[in-house]
Amino acid sequence: MERPTILIVSDEVEFSEAIRSHWQAAGNAPSFVAKTSCECGHDHFDLAAIAGGLREPALVLEGLRGTGKPVVHVSRLNGGTPKLAGVISVPESPGWTELLPIVVREVLERERMAAELSRANEAHSQLQHQASLGKYMIETRHNLNNALTSILGNCDLILLDEEQLPGTVKSQVETIRNMSMRLNEIMQRFSSLQKEMQLVEQQSRKAKSTAAGV
């Protein structure tokens, strides 16, 4: 997340300006979108920072929480705003403008790590699927080779009497034989790849065993 977009929802202009001015002075400021509680919609944003004289804070917070994005609420002391699950509360006490950027950066970093974990889990799931497919091919390779050998043998027997075969039948049998040969070549390549992978695995195990014995 190179430059996040932060939505500030506040009915007080001073509050929004306080966040902007402090963050810009500190450097590495995100992109801000400021709206009032009446204007608050579902624009694209990475995080919502909520605070400042909201007419119906609980309603606004509930709506923003429904977007699925992380929400930080800068709450008035003794403001009576109910706490909601998934909403991070920062009290509007002295020094809150310094605390808010730290909290927001931590939240965004957590979101980034969660997204990376999700992508890693998806990639792992795909690898498991591919591994299962490869294992199935290894287990059925012998049967496939037997079937191809039978097809090739019968094609050769039929073609021994090619002079007695109609032209179309001969062409079809030759096509079956040629395609079977191509399938056989693919299976041979697959067998070679399997042997190479087994060799690499054996070498890796040997290297680990040698390193462990040092």
C-alpha atoms as a PDB file:
ATOM      1  CA  MET A   1       0.000   0.000   0.000  1.00  0.00           C
ATOM      2  CA  GLU A   2       2.134   2.881  -1.313  1.00  0.00           C
ATOM      3  CA  ARG A   3      -0.110   5.827  -0.454  1.00  0.00           C
ATOM      4  CA  PRO A   4      -3.339   4.961   1.363  1.00  0.00           C
ATOM      5  CA  THR A   5      -6.536   6.948   1.055  1.00  0.00           C
ATOM      6  CA  ILE A   6      -8.041   7.952   4.390  1.00  0.00           C
ATOM      7  CA  LEU A   7     -11.628   9.126   4.665  1.00  0.00           C
ATOM      8  CA  ILE A   8     -12.228  11.675   7.426  1.00  0.00           C
ATOM      9  CA  VAL A   9     -15.859  11.997   8.439  1.00  0.00           C
ATOM     10  CA  SER A  10     -16.503  14.961  10.682  1.00  0.00           C
ATOM     11  CA  ASP A  11     -19.033  17.733  11.119  1.00  0.00           C
ATOM     12  CA  GLU A  12     -16.290  20.051  12.370  1.00  0.00           C
ATOM     13  CA  VAL A  13     -13.941  21.601   9.833  1.00  0.00           C
ATOM     14  CA  GLU A  14     -11.396  22.285  12.565  1.00  0.00           C
ATOM     15  CA  PHE A  15     -11.074  18.593  13.311  1.00  0.00           C
ATOM     16  CA  SER A  16     -10.346  17.631   9.711  1.00  0.00           C
ATOM     17  CA  GLU A  17      -7.855  20.484   9.363  1.00  0.00           C
ATOM     18  CA  ALA A  18      -6.091  19.427  12.581  1.00  0.00           C
ATOM     19  CA  ILE A  19      -5.518  15.938  11.171  1.00  0.00           C
ATOM     20  CA  ARG A  20      -4.346  17.208   7.788  1.00  0.00           C
ATOM     21  CA  SER A  21      -2.004  19.905   9.075  1.00  0.00           C
ATOM     22  CA  HIS A  22      -0.354  17.696  11.706  1.00  0.00           C
ATOM     23  CA  TRP A  23       0.119  14.753   9.352  1.00  0.00           C
ATOM     24  CA  GLN A  24       1.494  16.896   6.541  1.00  0.00           C
ATOM     25  CA  ALA A  25       3.898  18.596   8.940  1.00  0.00           C
ATOM     26  CA  ALA A  26       5.129  15.184  10.122  1.00  0.00           C
ATOM     27  CA  GLY A  27       5.708  14.034   6.524  1.00  0.00           C
ATOM     28  CA  ASN A  28       4.692  10.925   4.591  1.00  0.00           C
ATOM     29  CA  ALA A  29       1.062  12.029   4.610  1.00  0.00           C
ATOM     30  CA  PRO A  30      -1.606   9.826   3.034  1.00  0.00           C
ATOM     31  CA  SER A  31      -4.268  11.027   0.641  1.00  0.00           C
ATOM     32  CA  PHE A  32      -7.226  12.509   2.531  1.00  0.00           C
ATOM     33  CA  VAL A  33     -10.901  12.730   1.625  1.00  0.00           C
ATOM     34  CA  ALA A  34     -12.944  14.824   4.059  1.00  0.00           C
ATOM     35  CA  LYS A  35     -16.718  14.593   4.317  1.00  0.00           C
ATOM     36  CA  THR A  36     -19.478  15.443   6.751  1.00  0.00           C
ATOM     37  CA  SER A  37     -21.734  12.799   8.227  1.00  0.00           C
ATOM     38  CA  CYS A  38     -24.443  13.792   5.717  1.00  0.00           C
ATOM     39  CA  GLU A  39     -22.070  13.376   2.768  1.00  0.00           C
ATOM     40  CA  CYS A  40     -20.574  10.097   3.921  1.00  0.00           C
ATOM     41  CA  GLY A  41     -20.998   7.519   1.172  1.00  0.00           C
ATOM     42  CA  HIS A  42     -19.112   4.491  -0.065  1.00  0.00           C
ATOM     43  CA  ASP A  43     -16.198   6.112  -1.887  1.00  0.00           C
ATOM     44  CA  HIS A  44     -12.980   4.182  -2.240  1.00  0.00           C
ATOM     45  CA  PHE A  45     -10.826   4.464   0.860  1.00  0.00           C
ATOM     46  CA  ASP A  46      -8.389   2.318   2.796  1.00  0.00           C
ATOM     47  CA  LEU A  47      -9.321   3.523   6.272  1.00  0.00           C
ATOM     48  CA  ALA A  48     -11.860   5.870   7.866  1.00  0.00           C
ATOM     49  CA  ALA A  49     -10.875   8.212  10.718  1.00  0.00           C
ATOM     50  CA  ILE A  50     -14.046   9.389  12.466  1.00  0.00           C
ATOM     51  CA  ALA A  51     -14.420  12.238  14.940  1.00  0.00           C
ATOM     52  CA  GLY A  52     -15.742  15.695  15.754  1.00  0.00           C
ATOM     53  CA  GLY A  53     -19.278  16.577  16.661  1.00  0.00           C
ATOM     54  CA  LEU A  54     -21.062  13.890  14.693  1.00  0.00           C
ATOM     55  CA  ARG A  55     -24.803  14.261  14.988  1.00  0.00           C
ATOM     56  CA  GLU A  56     -25.378  10.509  15.125  1.00  0.00           C
ATOM     57  CA  PRO A  57     -21.965   8.935  15.756  1.00  0.00           C
ATOM     58  CA  ALA A  58     -23.276   5.406  16.364  1.00  0.00           C
ATOM     59  CA  LEU A  59     -25.173   5.420  13.050  1.00  0.00           C
ATOM     60  CA  VAL A  60     -22.191   6.773  11.091  1.00  0.00           C
ATOM     61  CA  LEU A  61     -19.790   4.304  12.664  1.00  0.00           C
ATOM     62  CA  GLU A  62     -22.127   1.398  11.958  1.00  0.00           C
ATOM     63  CA  GLY A  63     -22.398   2.428   8.311  1.00  0.00           C
ATOM     64  CA  LEU A  64     -18.640   2.733   7.861  1.00  0.00           C
ATOM     65  CA  ARG A  65     -18.026  -0.527   9.642  1.00  0.00           C
ATOM     66  CA  GLY A  66     -20.307  -2.167   7.076  1.00  0.00           C
ATOM     67  CA  THR A  67     -17.843  -1.286   4.297  1.00  0.00           C
ATOM     68  CA  GLY A  68     -15.447  -3.893   5.662  1.00  0.00           C
ATOM     69  CA  LYS A  69     -12.640  -1.340   5.974  1.00  0.00           C
ATOM     70  CA  PRO A  70     -10.878  -0.645   9.291  1.00  0.00           C
ATOM     71  CA  VAL A  71     -12.365   2.284  11.198  1.00  0.00           C
ATOM     72  CA  VAL A  72     -10.658   4.525  13.774  1.00  0.00           C
ATOM     73  CA  HIS A  73     -12.939   6.670  15.931  1.00  0.00           C
ATOM     74  CA  VAL A  74     -11.504   9.681  17.717  1.00  0.00           C
ATOM     75  CA  SER A  75     -14.017   9.824  20.527  1.00  0.00           C
ATOM     76  CA  ARG A  76     -14.917  12.712  22.775  1.00  0.00           C
ATOM     77  CA  LEU A  77     -14.193  12.138  26.422  1.00  0.00           C
ATOM     78  CA  ASN A  78     -17.411  11.134  28.199  1.00  0.00           C
ATOM     79  CA  GLY A  79     -19.186  11.495  24.881  1.00  0.00           C
ATOM     80  CA  GLY A  80     -21.386   8.483  25.474  1.00  0.00           C
ATOM     81  CA  THR A  81     -20.664   6.941  22.070  1.00  0.00           C
ATOM     82  CA  PRO A  82     -21.176   3.165  22.279  1.00  0.00           C
ATOM     83  CA  LYS A  83     -18.218   0.939  21.514  1.00  0.00           C
ATOM     84  CA  LEU A  84     -18.596  -1.188  18.406  1.00  0.00           C
ATOM     85  CA  ALA A  85     -16.706  -4.324  17.487  1.00  0.00           C
ATOM     86  CA  GLY A  86     -14.118  -3.660  14.799  1.00  0.00           C
ATOM     87  CA  VAL A  87     -13.929   0.079  15.558  1.00  0.00           C
ATOM     88  CA  ILE A  88     -10.667   1.281  17.129  1.00  0.00           C
ATOM     89  CA  SER A  89     -11.215   4.094  19.608  1.00  0.00           C
ATOM     90  CA  VAL A  90      -8.732   6.907  20.194  1.00  0.00           C
ATOM     91  CA  PRO A  91      -9.788   9.354  22.950  1.00  0.00           C
ATOM     92  CA  GLU A  92      -9.673  13.030  21.996  1.00  0.00           C
ATOM     93  CA  SER A  93      -7.357  13.872  24.855  1.00  0.00           C
ATOM     94  CA  PRO A  94      -4.250  16.114  24.762  1.00  0.00           C
ATOM     95  CA  GLY A  95      -1.818  14.754  22.184  1.00  0.00           C
ATOM     96  CA  TRP A  96      -4.409  12.858  20.148  1.00  0.00           C
ATOM     97  CA  THR A  97      -3.154  14.403  16.885  1.00  0.00           C
ATOM     98  CA  GLU A  98       0.266  12.823  17.542  1.00  0.00           C
ATOM     99  CA  LEU A  99      -1.251   9.481  18.533  1.00  0.00           C
ATOM    100  CA  LEU A 100      -3.648   9.170  15.590  1.00  0.00           C
ATOM    101  CA  PRO A 101      -1.022   8.761  12.796  1.00  0.00           C
ATOM    102  CA  ILE A 102       0.732   6.063  14.813  1.00  0.00           C
ATOM    103  CA  VAL A 103      -2.503   4.127  15.312  1.00  0.00           C
ATOM    104  CA  VAL A 104      -3.513   4.520  11.665  1.00  0.00           C
ATOM    105  CA  ARG A 105      -0.119   3.317  10.381  1.00  0.00           C
ATOM    106  CA  GLU A 106      -0.317   0.259  12.622  1.00  0.00           C
ATOM    107  CA  VAL A 107      -3.826  -0.500  11.377  1.00  0.00           C
ATOM    108  CA  LEU A 108      -2.796  -0.128   7.734  1.00  0.00           C
ATOM    109  CA  GLU A 109       0.251  -2.336   8.284  1.00  0.00           C
ATOM    110  CA  ARG A 110      -1.970  -4.969   9.844  1.00  0.00           C
ATOM    111  CA  GLU A 111      -4.279  -4.785   6.823  1.00  0.00           C
ATOM    112  CA  ARG A 112      -1.316  -5.121   4.459  1.00  0.00           C
ATOM    113  CA  MET A 113      -0.040  -8.198   6.294  1.00  0.00           C
ATOM    114  CA  ALA A 114      -3.530  -9.724   6.312  1.00  0.00           C
ATOM    115  CA  ALA A 115      -3.796  -9.196   2.545  1.00  0.00           C
ATOM    116  CA  GLU A 116      -0.382 -10.809   1.987  1.00  0.00           C
ATOM    117  CA  LEU A 117      -1.379 -13.749   4.190  1.00  0.00           C
ATOM    118  CA  SER A 118      -4.581 -14.174   2.174  1.00  0.00           C
ATOM    119  CA  ARG A 119      -2.607 -14.201  -1.096  1.00  0.00           C
ATOM    120  CA  ALA A 120      -0.121 -16.681   0.368  1.00  0.00           C
ATOM    121  CA  ASN A 121      -2.941 -18.976   1.499  1.00  0.00           C
ATOM    122  CA  GLU A 122      -4.500 -18.818  -1.956  1.00  0.00           C
ATOM    123  CA  ALA A 123      -1.179 -19.642  -3.600  1.00  0.00           C
ATOM    124  CA  HIS A 124      -0.672 -22.517  -1.152  1.00  0.00           C
ATOM    125  CA  SER A 125      -4.129 -23.864  -1.972  1.00  0.00           C
ATOM    126  CA  GLN A 126      -3.340 -23.765  -5.692  1.00  0.00           C
ATOM    127  CA  LEU A 127      -0.036 -25.561  -5.124  1.00  0.00           C
ATOM    128  CA  GLN A 128      -1.813 -28.251  -3.126  1.00  0.00           C
ATOM    129  CA  HIS A 129      -4.284 -28.715  -5.971  1.00  0.00           C
ATOM    130  CA  GLN A 130      -1.472 -28.995  -8.504  1.00  0.00           C
ATOM    131  CA  ALA A 131       0.400 -31.421  -6.246  1.00  0.00           C
ATOM    132  CA  SER A 132      -2.702 -33.612  -5.976  1.00  0.00           C
ATOM    133  CA  LEU A 133      -3.060 -33.588  -9.758  1.00  0.00           C
ATOM    134  CA  GLY A 134       0.619 -34.501 -10.181  1.00  0.00           C
ATOM    135  CA  LYS A 135       0.289 -37.326  -7.669  1.00  0.00           C
ATOM    136  CA  TYR A 136      -2.733 -38.679  -9.520  1.00  0.00           C
ATOM    137  CA  MET A 137      -0.825 -38.604 -12.816  1.00  0.00           C
ATOM    138  CA  ILE A 138       2.083 -40.485 -11.241  1.00  0.00           C
ATOM    139  CA  GLU A 139      -0.247 -43.125  -9.837  1.00  0.00           C
ATOM    140  CA  THR A 140      -2.047 -43.629 -13.163  1.00  0.00           C
ATOM    141  CA  ARG A 141       1.024 -43.363 -15.405  1.00  0.00           C
ATOM    142  CA  HIS A 142       1.541 -47.138 -15.557  1.00  0.00           C
ATOM    143  CA  ASN A 143      -2.060 -47.753 -16.642  1.00  0.00           C
ATOM    144  CA  LEU A 144      -1.843 -44.997 -19.252  1.00  0.00           C
ATOM    145  CA  ASN A 145       1.353 -46.467 -20.684  1.00  0.00           C
ATOM    146  CA  ASN A 146      -0.278 -49.895 -20.900  1.00  0.00           C
ATOM    147  CA  ALA A 147      -3.295 -48.424 -22.693  1.00  0.00           C
ATOM    148  CA  LEU A 148      -1.096 -46.536 -25.168  1.00  0.00           C
ATOM    149  CA  THR A 149       0.984 -49.658 -25.838  1.00  0.00           C
ATOM    150  CA  SER A 150      -2.188 -51.606 -26.604  1.00  0.00           C
ATOM    151  CA  ILE A 151      -3.480 -48.881 -28.944  1.00  0.00           C
ATOM    152  CA  LEU A 152      -0.161 -48.653 -30.793  1.00  0.00           C
ATOM    153  CA  GLY A 153       0.085 -52.433 -31.106  1.00  0.00           C
ATOM    154  CA  ASN A 154      -3.418 -52.755 -32.549  1.00  0.00           C
ATOM    155  CA  CYS A 155      -2.814 -49.885 -34.953  1.00  0.00           C
ATOM    156  CA  ASP A 156       0.327 -51.602 -36.232  1.00  0.00           C
ATOM    157  CA  LEU A 157      -1.568 -54.882 -36.688  1.00  0.00           C
ATOM    158  CA  ILE A 158      -4.308 -53.167 -38.647  1.00  0.00           C
ATOM    159  CA  LEU A 159      -1.820 -51.318 -40.834  1.00  0.00           C
ATOM    160  CA  LEU A 160      -0.093 -54.606 -41.764  1.00  0.00           C
ATOM    161  CA  ASP A 161      -3.014 -55.170 -44.118  1.00  0.00           C
ATOM    162  CA  GLU A 162      -3.144 -51.587 -45.286  1.00  0.00           C
ATOM    163  CA  GLU A 163      -3.646 -52.649 -48.899  1.00  0.00           C
ATOM    164  CA  GLN A 164      -6.980 -54.161 -47.890  1.00  0.00           C
ATOM    165  CA  LEU A 165      -8.078 -51.050 -46.018  1.00  0.00           C
ATOM    166  CA  PRO A 166     -10.239 -48.319 -47.536  1.00  0.00           C
ATOM    167  CA  GLY A 167      -8.358 -45.044 -47.841  1.00  0.00           C
ATOM    168  CA  THR A 168     -10.407 -43.252 -45.173  1.00  0.00           C
ATOM    169  CA  VAL A 169      -9.987 -46.077 -42.641  1.00  0.00           C
ATOM    170  CA  LYS A 170      -6.242 -46.204 -43.244  1.00  0.00           C
ATOM    171  CA  SER A 171      -5.986 -42.437 -42.696  1.00  0.00           C
ATOM    172  CA  GLN A 172      -7.979 -42.646 -39.475  1.00  0.00           C
ATOM    173  CA  VAL A 173      -5.883 -45.509 -38.102  1.00  0.00           C
ATOM    174  CA  GLU A 174      -2.680 -43.612 -38.908  1.00  0.00           C
ATOM    175  CA  THR A 175      -4.040 -40.548 -37.122  1.00  0.00           C
ATOM    176  CA  ILE A 176      -4.835 -42.657 -34.035  1.00  0.00           C
ATOM    177  CA  ARG A 177      -1.327 -44.125 -34.135  1.00  0.00           C
ATOM    178  CA  ASN A 178       0.373 -40.735 -34.540  1.00  0.00           C
ATOM    179  CA  MET A 179      -1.624 -39.171 -31.698  1.00  0.00           C
ATOM    180  CA  SER A 180      -0.850 -42.173 -29.501  1.00  0.00           C
ATOM    181  CA  MET A 181       2.851 -41.724 -30.246  1.00  0.00           C
ATOM    182  CA  ARG A 182       2.616 -38.066 -29.210  1.00  0.00           C
ATOM    183  CA  LEU A 183       0.885 -39.043 -25.969  1.00  0.00           C
ATOM    184  CA  ASN A 184       3.593 -41.615 -25.345  1.00  0.00           C
ATOM    185  CA  GLU A 185       6.288 -38.949 -25.809  1.00  0.00           C
ATOM    186  CA  ILE A 186       4.500 -36.699 -23.302  1.00  0.00           C
ATOM    187  CA  MET A 187       4.367 -39.514 -20.759  1.00  0.00           C
ATOM    188  CA  GLN A 188       8.076 -40.196 -21.285  1.00  0.00           C
ATOM    189  CA  ARG A 189       8.877 -36.540 -20.645  1.00  0.00           C
ATOM    190  CA  PHE A 190       6.738 -36.654 -17.534  1.00  0.00           C
ATOM    191  CA  SER A 191       8.665 -39.711 -16.337  1.00  0.00           C
ATOM    192  CA  SER A 192      11.980 -37.919 -16.941  1.00  0.00           C
ATOM    193  CA  LEU A 193      10.754 -34.884 -14.996  1.00  0.00           C
ATOM    194  CA  GLN A 194       9.700 -37.086 -12.104  1.00  0.00           C
ATOM    195  CA  LYS A 195      13.155 -38.685 -11.971  1.00  0.00           C
ATOM    196  CA  GLU A 196      14.828 -35.256 -12.029  1.00  0.00           C
ATOM    197  CA  MET A 197      12.622 -34.042  -9.164  1.00  0.00           C
ATOM    198  CA  GLN A 198      13.393 -37.179  -7.157  1.00  0.00           C
ATOM    199  CA  LEU A 199      17.122 -36.622  -7.727  1.00  0.00           C
ATOM    200  CA  VAL A 200      16.877 -32.993  -6.590  1.00  0.00           C
ATOM    201  CA  GLU A 201      14.951 -34.075  -3.498  1.00  0.00           C
ATOM    202  CA  GLN A 202      17.572 -36.729  -2.665  1.00  0.00           C
ATOM    203  CA  GLN A 203      20.381 -34.193  -3.061  1.00  0.00           C
ATOM    204  CA  SER A 204      18.520 -31.709  -0.873  1.00  0.00           C
ATOM    205  CA  ARG A 205      18.037 -34.308   1.856  1.00  0.00           C
ATOM    206  CA  LYS A 206      21.691 -35.298   1.620  1.00  0.00           C
ATOM    207  CA  ALA A 207      22.796 -31.672   1.912  1.00  0.00           C
ATOM    208  CA  LYS A 208      20.575 -31.159   4.974  1.00  0.00           C
ATOM    209  CA  SER A 209      21.888 -34.347   6.561  1.00  0.00           C
ATOM    210  CA  THR A 210      25.491 -33.276   5.922  1.00  0.00           C
ATOM    211  CA  ALA A 211      24.830 -29.806   7.349  1.00  0.00           C
ATOM    212  CA  ALA A 212      23.184 -31.279  10.440  1.00  0.00           C
ATOM    213  CA  GLY A 213      26.202 -33.529  11.035  1.00  0.00           C
ATOM    214  CA  VAL A 214      28.702 -30.664  10.861  1.00  0.00           C
END
